[in-house]
Amino acid sequence: RQPGTYAEYIAVSSLSLARKPSSLSHVEAAGVPLAALTAWG
């Protein structure tokens, strides 16, 4: 539906993001959303 994240910038809905956990690096945080949301669901 939207261009993906293999890019320097993205446009993303306010319903689709959250504050990054402060304990995680950006690399660690990028490994979370799709996999964790799938597992949670």
PDB file of all heavy atoms in Angstrom:
ATOM      1  N   ARG A   1       0.830  -1.214   0.000  1.00  0.00           N
ATOM      2  CA  ARG A   1       0.000   0.000   0.000  1.00  0.00           C
ATOM      3  C   ARG A   1       0.858   1.254   0.000  1.00  0.00           C
ATOM      4  O   ARG A   1       0.470   2.294  -0.530  1.00  0.00           O
ATOM      5  CB  ARG A   1      -0.917   0.014   1.225  1.00  0.00           C
ATOM      6  CG  ARG A   1      -1.995  -1.040   1.223  1.00  0.00           C
ATOM      7  CD  ARG A   1      -3.017  -0.774   0.146  1.00  0.00           C
ATOM      8  NE  ARG A   1      -4.111  -1.744   0.203  1.00  0.00           N
ATOM      9  CZ  ARG A   1      -5.052  -1.855  -0.718  1.00  0.00           C
ATOM     10  NH1 ARG A   1      -5.028  -1.073  -1.782  1.00  0.00           N
ATOM     11  NH2 ARG A   1      -5.998  -2.759  -0.594  1.00  0.00           N
ATOM     12  N   GLN A   2       2.032   1.169   0.640  1.00  0.00           N
ATOM     13  CA  GLN A   2       2.954   2.293   0.706  1.00  0.00           C
ATOM     14  C   GLN A   2       4.348   1.826   0.343  1.00  0.00           C
ATOM     15  O   GLN A   2       4.659   0.625   0.484  1.00  0.00           O
ATOM     16  CB  GLN A   2       2.973   2.877   2.126  1.00  0.00           C
ATOM     17  CG  GLN A   2       1.686   3.535   2.561  1.00  0.00           C
ATOM     18  CD  GLN A   2       1.766   3.989   3.999  1.00  0.00           C
ATOM     19  OE1 GLN A   2       0.992   3.565   4.847  1.00  0.00           O
ATOM     20  NE2 GLN A   2       2.708   4.876   4.288  1.00  0.00           N
ATOM     21  N   PRO A   3       5.211   2.736  -0.106  1.00  0.00           N
ATOM     22  CA  PRO A   3       6.613   2.361  -0.333  1.00  0.00           C
ATOM     23  C   PRO A   3       7.237   1.861   0.966  1.00  0.00           C
ATOM     24  O   PRO A   3       6.892   2.320   2.062  1.00  0.00           O
ATOM     25  CB  PRO A   3       7.259   3.669  -0.800  1.00  0.00           C
ATOM     26  CG  PRO A   3       6.129   4.484  -1.330  1.00  0.00           C
ATOM     27  CD  PRO A   3       4.945   4.138  -0.487  1.00  0.00           C
ATOM     28  N   GLY A   4       8.181   0.922   0.836  1.00  0.00           N
ATOM     29  CA  GLY A   4       8.743   0.278   2.007  1.00  0.00           C
ATOM     30  C   GLY A   4       9.893   1.012   2.657  1.00  0.00           C
ATOM     31  O   GLY A   4      10.204   2.166   2.332  1.00  0.00           O
ATOM     32  N   THR A   5      10.552   0.297   3.558  1.00  0.00           N
ATOM     33  CA  THR A   5      11.517   0.910   4.470  1.00  0.00           C
ATOM     34  C   THR A   5      12.972   0.728   4.067  1.00  0.00           C
ATOM     35  O   THR A   5      13.864   1.157   4.792  1.00  0.00           O
ATOM     36  CB  THR A   5      11.324   0.328   5.886  1.00  0.00           C
ATOM     37  OG1 THR A   5      11.537  -1.094   5.857  1.00  0.00           O
ATOM     38  CG2 THR A   5       9.932   0.618   6.396  1.00  0.00           C
ATOM     39  N   TYR A   6      13.240   0.117   2.922  1.00  0.00           N
ATOM     40  CA  TYR A   6      14.614   0.013   2.436  1.00  0.00           C
ATOM     41  C   TYR A   6      14.996   1.348   1.800  1.00  0.00           C
ATOM     42  O   TYR A   6      15.357   1.446   0.623  1.00  0.00           O
ATOM     43  CB  TYR A   6      14.770  -1.087   1.399  1.00  0.00           C
ATOM     44  CG  TYR A   6      14.511  -2.503   1.842  1.00  0.00           C
ATOM     45  CD1 TYR A   6      14.581  -3.553   0.925  1.00  0.00           C
ATOM     46  CD2 TYR A   6      14.206  -2.824   3.160  1.00  0.00           C
ATOM     47  CE1 TYR A   6      14.358  -4.868   1.293  1.00  0.00           C
ATOM     48  CE2 TYR A   6      13.971  -4.135   3.542  1.00  0.00           C
ATOM     49  CZ  TYR A   6      14.044  -5.158   2.606  1.00  0.00           C
ATOM     50  OH  TYR A   6      13.805  -6.462   2.972  1.00  0.00           O
ATOM     51  N   ALA A   7      14.912   2.407   2.572  1.00  0.00           N
ATOM     52  CA  ALA A   7      15.090   3.757   2.042  1.00  0.00           C
ATOM     53  C   ALA A   7      15.443   4.708   3.175  1.00  0.00           C
ATOM     54  O   ALA A   7      15.268   4.382   4.356  1.00  0.00           O
ATOM     55  CB  ALA A   7      13.811   4.230   1.349  1.00  0.00           C
ATOM     56  N   GLU A   8      15.911   5.893   2.819  1.00  0.00           N
ATOM     57  CA  GLU A   8      16.313   6.873   3.833  1.00  0.00           C
ATOM     58  C   GLU A   8      15.120   7.489   4.567  1.00  0.00           C
ATOM     59  O   GLU A   8      15.251   7.878   5.736  1.00  0.00           O
ATOM     60  CB  GLU A   8      17.122   7.995   3.187  1.00  0.00           C
ATOM     61  CG  GLU A   8      18.511   7.591   2.749  1.00  0.00           C
ATOM     62  CD  GLU A   8      19.278   8.770   2.205  1.00  0.00           C
ATOM     63  OE1 GLU A   8      18.995   9.203   1.071  1.00  0.00           O
ATOM     64  OE2 GLU A   8      20.155   9.285   2.940  1.00  0.00           O
ATOM     65  N   TYR A   9      13.965   7.570   3.894  1.00  0.00           N
ATOM     66  CA  TYR A   9      12.789   8.194   4.516  1.00  0.00           C
ATOM     67  C   TYR A   9      11.541   7.384   4.168  1.00  0.00           C
ATOM     68  O   TYR A   9      11.464   6.746   3.115  1.00  0.00           O
ATOM     69  CB  TYR A   9      12.594   9.634   4.009  1.00  0.00           C
ATOM     70  CG  TYR A   9      13.692  10.579   4.428  1.00  0.00           C
ATOM     71  CD1 TYR A   9      14.827  10.746   3.625  1.00  0.00           C
ATOM     72  CD2 TYR A   9      13.601  11.298   5.616  1.00  0.00           C
ATOM     73  CE1 TYR A   9      15.852  11.605   4.009  1.00  0.00           C
ATOM     74  CE2 TYR A   9      14.628  12.157   6.001  1.00  0.00           C
ATOM     75  CZ  TYR A   9      15.738  12.306   5.200  1.00  0.00           C
ATOM     76  OH  TYR A   9      16.744  13.146   5.587  1.00  0.00           O
ATOM     77  N   ILE A  10      10.571   7.438   5.063  1.00  0.00           N
ATOM     78  CA  ILE A  10       9.272   6.823   4.807  1.00  0.00           C
ATOM     79  C   ILE A  10       8.176   7.769   5.275  1.00  0.00           C
ATOM     80  O   ILE A  10       8.392   8.617   6.152  1.00  0.00           O
ATOM     81  CB  ILE A  10       9.102   5.479   5.554  1.00  0.00           C
ATOM     82  CG1 ILE A  10       9.351   5.650   7.069  1.00  0.00           C
ATOM     83  CG2 ILE A  10       9.992   4.408   4.962  1.00  0.00           C
ATOM     84  CD1 ILE A  10       8.951   4.471   7.903  1.00  0.00           C
ATOM     85  N   ALA A  11       6.990   7.627   4.697  1.00  0.00           N
ATOM     86  CA  ALA A  11       5.778   8.246   5.220  1.00  0.00           C
ATOM     87  C   ALA A  11       4.978   7.139   5.887  1.00  0.00           C
ATOM     88  O   ALA A  11       4.798   6.061   5.306  1.00  0.00           O
ATOM     89  CB  ALA A  11       4.973   8.885   4.100  1.00  0.00           C
ATOM     90  N   VAL A  12       4.524   7.378   7.106  1.00  0.00           N
ATOM     91  CA  VAL A  12       3.875   6.311   7.872  1.00  0.00           C
ATOM     92  C   VAL A  12       2.741   6.871   8.713  1.00  0.00           C
ATOM     93  O   VAL A  12       2.848   7.957   9.289  1.00  0.00           O
ATOM     94  CB  VAL A  12       4.913   5.576   8.761  1.00  0.00           C
ATOM     95  CG1 VAL A  12       5.619   6.527   9.704  1.00  0.00           C
ATOM     96  CG2 VAL A  12       4.284   4.427   9.515  1.00  0.00           C
ATOM     97  N   SER A  13       1.648   6.132   8.800  1.00  0.00           N
ATOM     98  CA  SER A  13       0.482   6.546   9.576  1.00  0.00           C
ATOM     99  C   SER A  13       0.812   6.631  11.063  1.00  0.00           C
ATOM    100  O   SER A  13       1.608   5.848  11.590  1.00  0.00           O
ATOM    101  CB  SER A  13      -0.663   5.550   9.367  1.00  0.00           C
ATOM    102  OG  SER A  13      -1.688   5.737  10.318  1.00  0.00           O
ATOM    103  N   SER A  14       0.148   7.553  11.742  1.00  0.00           N
ATOM    104  CA  SER A  14       0.317   7.674  13.184  1.00  0.00           C
ATOM    105  C   SER A  14      -0.164   6.431  13.917  1.00  0.00           C
ATOM    106  O   SER A  14       0.214   6.204  15.074  1.00  0.00           O
ATOM    107  CB  SER A  14      -0.438   8.902  13.700  1.00  0.00           C
ATOM    108  OG  SER A  14      -1.819   8.799  13.402  1.00  0.00           O
ATOM    109  N   LEU A  15      -0.988   5.602  13.281  1.00  0.00           N
ATOM    110  CA  LEU A  15      -1.485   4.366  13.895  1.00  0.00           C
ATOM    111  C   LEU A  15      -0.495   3.216  13.777  1.00  0.00           C
ATOM    112  O   LEU A  15      -0.713   2.159  14.367  1.00  0.00           O
ATOM    113  CB  LEU A  15      -2.812   3.953  13.248  1.00  0.00           C
ATOM    114  CG  LEU A  15      -3.958   4.954  13.320  1.00  0.00           C
ATOM    115  CD1 LEU A  15      -5.169   4.415  12.568  1.00  0.00           C
ATOM    116  CD2 LEU A  15      -4.313   5.259  14.766  1.00  0.00           C
ATOM    117  N   SER A  16       0.583   3.432  13.044  1.00  0.00           N
ATOM    118  CA  SER A  16       1.494   2.335  12.702  1.00  0.00           C
ATOM    119  C   SER A  16       2.842   2.394  13.392  1.00  0.00           C
ATOM    120  O   SER A  16       3.719   1.595  13.082  1.00  0.00           O
ATOM    121  CB  SER A  16       1.712   2.309  11.178  1.00  0.00           C
ATOM    122  OG  SER A  16       0.497   2.125  10.499  1.00  0.00           O
ATOM    123  N   LEU A  17       3.025   3.340  14.311  1.00  0.00           N
ATOM    124  CA  LEU A  17       4.324   3.445  14.965  1.00  0.00           C
ATOM    125  C   LEU A  17       4.172   3.705  16.452  1.00  0.00           C
ATOM    126  O   LEU A  17       3.088   3.968  16.958  1.00  0.00           O
ATOM    127  CB  LEU A  17       5.191   4.521  14.302  1.00  0.00           C
ATOM    128  CG  LEU A  17       4.629   5.931  14.076  1.00  0.00           C
ATOM    129  CD1 LEU A  17       4.399   6.668  15.370  1.00  0.00           C
ATOM    130  CD2 LEU A  17       5.588   6.710  13.189  1.00  0.00           C
ATOM    131  N   ALA A  18       5.283   3.608  17.149  1.00  0.00           N
ATOM    132  CA  ALA A  18       5.330   3.841  18.596  1.00  0.00           C
ATOM    133  C   ALA A  18       6.703   4.400  18.944  1.00  0.00           C
ATOM    134  O   ALA A  18       7.632   4.357  18.128  1.00  0.00           O
ATOM    135  CB  ALA A  18       5.089   2.532  19.352  1.00  0.00           C
ATOM    136  N   ARG A  19       6.824   4.928  20.135  1.00  0.00           N
ATOM    137  CA  ARG A  19       8.147   5.370  20.587  1.00  0.00           C
ATOM    138  C   ARG A  19       9.094   4.181  20.656  1.00  0.00           C
ATOM    139  O   ARG A  19       8.725   3.104  21.137  1.00  0.00           O
ATOM    140  CB  ARG A  19       8.053   6.000  21.985  1.00  0.00           C
ATOM    141  CG  ARG A  19       7.337   7.336  22.023  1.00  0.00           C
ATOM    142  CD  ARG A  19       7.347   7.898  23.437  1.00  0.00           C
ATOM    143  NE  ARG A  19       6.587   9.134  23.514  1.00  0.00           N
ATOM    144  CZ  ARG A  19       7.088  10.344  23.265  1.00  0.00           C
ATOM    145  NH1 ARG A  19       8.364  10.463  22.949  1.00  0.00           N
ATOM    146  NH2 ARG A  19       6.323  11.417  23.339  1.00  0.00           N
ATOM    147  N   LYS A  20      10.302   4.384  20.194  1.00  0.00           N
ATOM    148  CA  LYS A  20      11.316   3.334  20.292  1.00  0.00           C
ATOM    149  C   LYS A  20      11.677   3.098  21.748  1.00  0.00           C
ATOM    150  O   LYS A  20      11.925   4.055  22.490  1.00  0.00           O
ATOM    151  CB  LYS A  20      12.566   3.718  19.508  1.00  0.00           C
ATOM    152  CG  LYS A  20      13.665   2.643  19.533  1.00  0.00           C
ATOM    153  CD  LYS A  20      14.917   3.097  18.828  1.00  0.00           C
ATOM    154  CE  LYS A  20      15.733   4.082  19.635  1.00  0.00           C
ATOM    155  NZ  LYS A  20      16.314   3.472  20.862  1.00  0.00           N
ATOM    156  N   PRO A  21      11.709   1.849  22.204  1.00  0.00           N
ATOM    157  CA  PRO A  21      12.176   1.590  23.560  1.00  0.00           C
ATOM    158  C   PRO A  21      13.579   2.158  23.766  1.00  0.00           C
ATOM    159  O   PRO A  21      14.474   1.912  22.948  1.00  0.00           O
ATOM    160  CB  PRO A  21      12.170   0.054  23.654  1.00  0.00           C
ATOM    161  CG  PRO A  21      11.167  -0.375  22.622  1.00  0.00           C
ATOM    162  CD  PRO A  21      11.303   0.612  21.505  1.00  0.00           C
ATOM    163  N   SER A  22      13.764   2.896  24.833  1.00  0.00           N
ATOM    164  CA  SER A  22      15.058   3.546  25.058  1.00  0.00           C
ATOM    165  C   SER A  22      16.185   2.550  25.292  1.00  0.00           C
ATOM    166  O   SER A  22      17.352   2.865  25.078  1.00  0.00           O
ATOM    167  CB  SER A  22      14.958   4.509  26.247  1.00  0.00           C
ATOM    168  OG  SER A  22      14.579   3.808  27.420  1.00  0.00           O
ATOM    169  N   SER A  23      15.827   1.337  25.724  1.00  0.00           N
ATOM    170  CA  SER A  23      16.846   0.330  26.009  1.00  0.00           C
ATOM    171  C   SER A  23      17.362  -0.364  24.751  1.00  0.00           C
ATOM    172  O   SER A  23      18.336  -1.127  24.811  1.00  0.00           O
ATOM    173  CB  SER A  23      16.288  -0.719  26.970  1.00  0.00           C
ATOM    174  OG  SER A  23      15.162  -1.371  26.404  1.00  0.00           O
ATOM    175  N   LEU A  24      16.713  -0.121  23.615  1.00  0.00           N
ATOM    176  CA  LEU A  24      17.112  -0.775  22.371  1.00  0.00           C
ATOM    177  C   LEU A  24      17.830   0.202  21.452  1.00  0.00           C
ATOM    178  O   LEU A  24      17.468   1.375  21.359  1.00  0.00           O
ATOM    179  CB  LEU A  24      15.894  -1.328  21.628  1.00  0.00           C
ATOM    180  CG  LEU A  24      15.026  -2.379  22.313  1.00  0.00           C
ATOM    181  CD1 LEU A  24      13.985  -2.904  21.332  1.00  0.00           C
ATOM    182  CD2 LEU A  24      15.847  -3.516  22.883  1.00  0.00           C
ATOM    183  N   SER A  25      18.823  -0.281  20.739  1.00  0.00           N
ATOM    184  CA  SER A  25      19.433   0.486  19.661  1.00  0.00           C
ATOM    185  C   SER A  25      18.463   0.515  18.486  1.00  0.00           C
ATOM    186  O   SER A  25      17.484  -0.243  18.441  1.00  0.00           O
ATOM    187  CB  SER A  25      20.750  -0.158  19.234  1.00  0.00           C
ATOM    188  OG  SER A  25      20.493  -1.423  18.618  1.00  0.00           O
ATOM    189  N   HIS A  26      18.735   1.365  17.501  1.00  0.00           N
ATOM    190  CA  HIS A  26      17.887   1.380  16.314  1.00  0.00           C
ATOM    191  C   HIS A  26      17.947   0.044  15.580  1.00  0.00           C
ATOM    192  O   HIS A  26      16.924  -0.422  15.044  1.00  0.00           O
ATOM    193  CB  HIS A  26      18.293   2.516  15.373  1.00  0.00           C
ATOM    194  CG  HIS A  26      17.804   3.861  15.812  1.00  0.00           C
ATOM    195  ND1 HIS A  26      16.470   4.208  15.807  1.00  0.00           N
ATOM    196  CD2 HIS A  26      18.467   4.949  16.287  1.00  0.00           C
ATOM    197  CE1 HIS A  26      16.327   5.447  16.236  1.00  0.00           C
ATOM    198  NE2 HIS A  26      17.525   5.929  16.538  1.00  0.00           N
ATOM    199  N   VAL A  27      19.116  -0.575  15.545  1.00  0.00           N
ATOM    200  CA  VAL A  27      19.247  -1.874  14.883  1.00  0.00           C
ATOM    201  C   VAL A  27      18.380  -2.907  15.585  1.00  0.00           C
ATOM    202  O   VAL A  27      17.646  -3.676  14.936  1.00  0.00           O
ATOM    203  CB  VAL A  27      20.720  -2.318  14.849  1.00  0.00           C
ATOM    204  CG1 VAL A  27      20.839  -3.805  14.493  1.00  0.00           C
ATOM    205  CG2 VAL A  27      21.502  -1.481  13.840  1.00  0.00           C
ATOM    206  N   GLU A  28      18.421  -2.959  16.896  1.00  0.00           N
ATOM    207  CA  GLU A  28      17.596  -3.911  17.634  1.00  0.00           C
ATOM    208  C   GLU A  28      16.111  -3.613  17.436  1.00  0.00           C
ATOM    209  O   GLU A  28      15.307  -4.527  17.200  1.00  0.00           O
ATOM    210  CB  GLU A  28      17.944  -3.860  19.120  1.00  0.00           C
ATOM    211  CG  GLU A  28      19.318  -4.409  19.438  1.00  0.00           C
ATOM    212  CD  GLU A  28      19.729  -4.107  20.878  1.00  0.00           C
ATOM    213  OE1 GLU A  28      19.409  -3.006  21.398  1.00  0.00           O
ATOM    214  OE2 GLU A  28      20.386  -4.971  21.489  1.00  0.00           O
ATOM    215  N   ALA A  29      15.746  -2.349  17.522  1.00  0.00           N
ATOM    216  CA  ALA A  29      14.340  -1.971  17.393  1.00  0.00           C
ATOM    217  C   ALA A  29      13.788  -2.331  16.020  1.00  0.00           C
ATOM    218  O   ALA A  29      12.627  -2.747  15.896  1.00  0.00           O
ATOM    219  CB  ALA A  29      14.163  -0.481  17.654  1.00  0.00           C
ATOM    220  N   ALA A  30      14.595  -2.194  14.983  1.00  0.00           N
ATOM    221  CA  ALA A  30      14.134  -2.506  13.629  1.00  0.00           C
ATOM    222  C   ALA A  30      13.830  -3.989  13.459  1.00  0.00           C
ATOM    223  O   ALA A  30      13.113  -4.372  12.526  1.00  0.00           O
ATOM    224  CB  ALA A  30      15.168  -2.062  12.601  1.00  0.00           C
ATOM    225  N   GLY A  31      14.353  -4.824  14.342  1.00  0.00           N
ATOM    226  CA  GLY A  31      14.082  -6.250  14.269  1.00  0.00           C
ATOM    227  C   GLY A  31      12.796  -6.667  14.956  1.00  0.00           C
ATOM    228  O   GLY A  31      12.423  -7.846  14.922  1.00  0.00           O
ATOM    229  N   VAL A  32      12.093  -5.716  15.547  1.00  0.00           N
ATOM    230  CA  VAL A  32      10.935  -6.062  16.377  1.00  0.00           C
ATOM    231  C   VAL A  32       9.596  -6.058  15.646  1.00  0.00           C
ATOM    232  O   VAL A  32       8.854  -7.057  15.722  1.00  0.00           O
ATOM    233  CB  VAL A  32      10.858  -5.124  17.613  1.00  0.00           C
ATOM    234  CG1 VAL A  32       9.556  -5.353  18.386  1.00  0.00           C
ATOM    235  CG2 VAL A  32      12.060  -5.322  18.517  1.00  0.00           C
ATOM    236  N   PRO A  33       9.171  -4.984  14.976  1.00  0.00           N
ATOM    237  CA  PRO A  33       7.743  -4.775  14.708  1.00  0.00           C
ATOM    238  C   PRO A  33       6.991  -5.903  14.018  1.00  0.00           C
ATOM    239  O   PRO A  33       6.036  -6.466  14.593  1.00  0.00           O
ATOM    240  CB  PRO A  33       7.736  -3.490  13.874  1.00  0.00           C
ATOM    241  CG  PRO A  33       8.949  -2.751  14.342  1.00  0.00           C
ATOM    242  CD  PRO A  33       9.979  -3.820  14.538  1.00  0.00           C
ATOM    243  N   LEU A  34       7.340  -6.254  12.786  1.00  0.00           N
ATOM    244  CA  LEU A  34       6.546  -7.249  12.079  1.00  0.00           C
ATOM    245  C   LEU A  34       6.586  -8.600  12.778  1.00  0.00           C
ATOM    246  O   LEU A  34       5.547  -9.253  12.944  1.00  0.00           O
ATOM    247  CB  LEU A  34       7.020  -7.383  10.631  1.00  0.00           C
ATOM    248  CG  LEU A  34       6.189  -8.306   9.737  1.00  0.00           C
ATOM    249  CD1 LEU A  34       6.148  -7.790   8.305  1.00  0.00           C
ATOM    250  CD2 LEU A  34       6.728  -9.741   9.730  1.00  0.00           C
ATOM    251  N   ALA A  35       7.766  -9.037  13.191  1.00  0.00           N
ATOM    252  CA  ALA A  35       7.891 -10.346  13.828  1.00  0.00           C
ATOM    253  C   ALA A  35       7.162 -10.388  15.167  1.00  0.00           C
ATOM    254  O   ALA A  35       6.434 -11.340  15.463  1.00  0.00           O
ATOM    255  CB  ALA A  35       9.362 -10.701  14.014  1.00  0.00           C
ATOM    256  N   ALA A  36       7.355  -9.365  15.988  1.00  0.00           N
ATOM    257  CA  ALA A  36       6.723  -9.360  17.306  1.00  0.00           C
ATOM    258  C   ALA A  36       5.212  -9.203  17.200  1.00  0.00           C
ATOM    259  O   ALA A  36       4.457  -9.850  17.942  1.00  0.00           O
ATOM    260  CB  ALA A  36       7.316  -8.244  18.160  1.00  0.00           C
ATOM    261  N   LEU A  37       4.740  -8.347  16.298  1.00  0.00           N
ATOM    262  CA  LEU A  37       3.297  -8.189  16.126  1.00  0.00           C
ATOM    263  C   LEU A  37       2.666  -9.461  15.589  1.00  0.00           C
ATOM    264  O   LEU A  37       1.543  -9.826  15.967  1.00  0.00           O
ATOM    265  CB  LEU A  37       2.998  -7.017  15.200  1.00  0.00           C
ATOM    266  CG  LEU A  37       3.219  -5.623  15.784  1.00  0.00           C
ATOM    267  CD1 LEU A  37       3.134  -4.561  14.686  1.00  0.00           C
ATOM    268  CD2 LEU A  37       2.212  -5.318  16.892  1.00  0.00           C
ATOM    269  N   THR A  38       3.361 -10.172  14.700  1.00  0.00           N
ATOM    270  CA  THR A  38       2.852 -11.454  14.208  1.00  0.00           C
ATOM    271  C   THR A  38       2.760 -12.461  15.338  1.00  0.00           C
ATOM    272  O   THR A  38       1.742 -13.144  15.511  1.00  0.00           O
ATOM    273  CB  THR A  38       3.749 -11.994  13.084  1.00  0.00           C
ATOM    274  OG1 THR A  38       3.813 -11.053  12.019  1.00  0.00           O
ATOM    275  CG2 THR A  38       3.221 -13.317  12.555  1.00  0.00           C
ATOM    276  N   ALA A  39       3.833 -12.567  16.112  1.00  0.00           N
ATOM    277  CA  ALA A  39       3.842 -13.516  17.233  1.00  0.00           C
ATOM    278  C   ALA A  39       2.772 -13.167  18.260  1.00  0.00           C
ATOM    279  O   ALA A  39       2.067 -14.046  18.765  1.00  0.00           O
ATOM    280  CB  ALA A  39       5.222 -13.526  17.882  1.00  0.00           C
ATOM    281  N   TRP A  40       2.630 -11.882  18.572  1.00  0.00           N
ATOM    282  CA  TRP A  40       1.612 -11.451  19.532  1.00  0.00           C
ATOM    283  C   TRP A  40       0.211 -11.804  19.027  1.00  0.00           C
ATOM    284  O   TRP A  40      -0.624 -12.330  19.776  1.00  0.00           O
ATOM    285  CB  TRP A  40       1.723  -9.954  19.758  1.00  0.00           C
ATOM    286  CG  TRP A  40       0.771  -9.413  20.790  1.00  0.00           C
ATOM    287  CD1 TRP A  40      -0.530  -9.019  20.597  1.00  0.00           C
ATOM    288  CD2 TRP A  40       1.053  -9.210  22.184  1.00  0.00           C
ATOM    289  NE1 TRP A  40      -1.075  -8.588  21.778  1.00  0.00           N
ATOM    290  CE2 TRP A  40      -0.133  -8.688  22.762  1.00  0.00           C
ATOM    291  CE3 TRP A  40       2.171  -9.407  22.979  1.00  0.00           C
ATOM    292  CZ2 TRP A  40      -0.219  -8.370  24.118  1.00  0.00           C
ATOM    293  CZ3 TRP A  40       2.098  -9.083  24.324  1.00  0.00           C
ATOM    294  CH2 TRP A  40       0.921  -8.571  24.885  1.00  0.00           C
ATOM    295  N   GLY A  41      -0.035 -11.535  17.759  1.00  0.00           N
ATOM    296  CA  GLY A  41      -1.346 -11.832  17.204  1.00  0.00           C
ATOM    297  C   GLY A  41      -1.674 -13.311  17.266  1.00  0.00           C
ATOM    298  O   GLY A  41      -2.794 -13.702  17.628  1.00  0.00           O
TER     299      GLY A  41
END
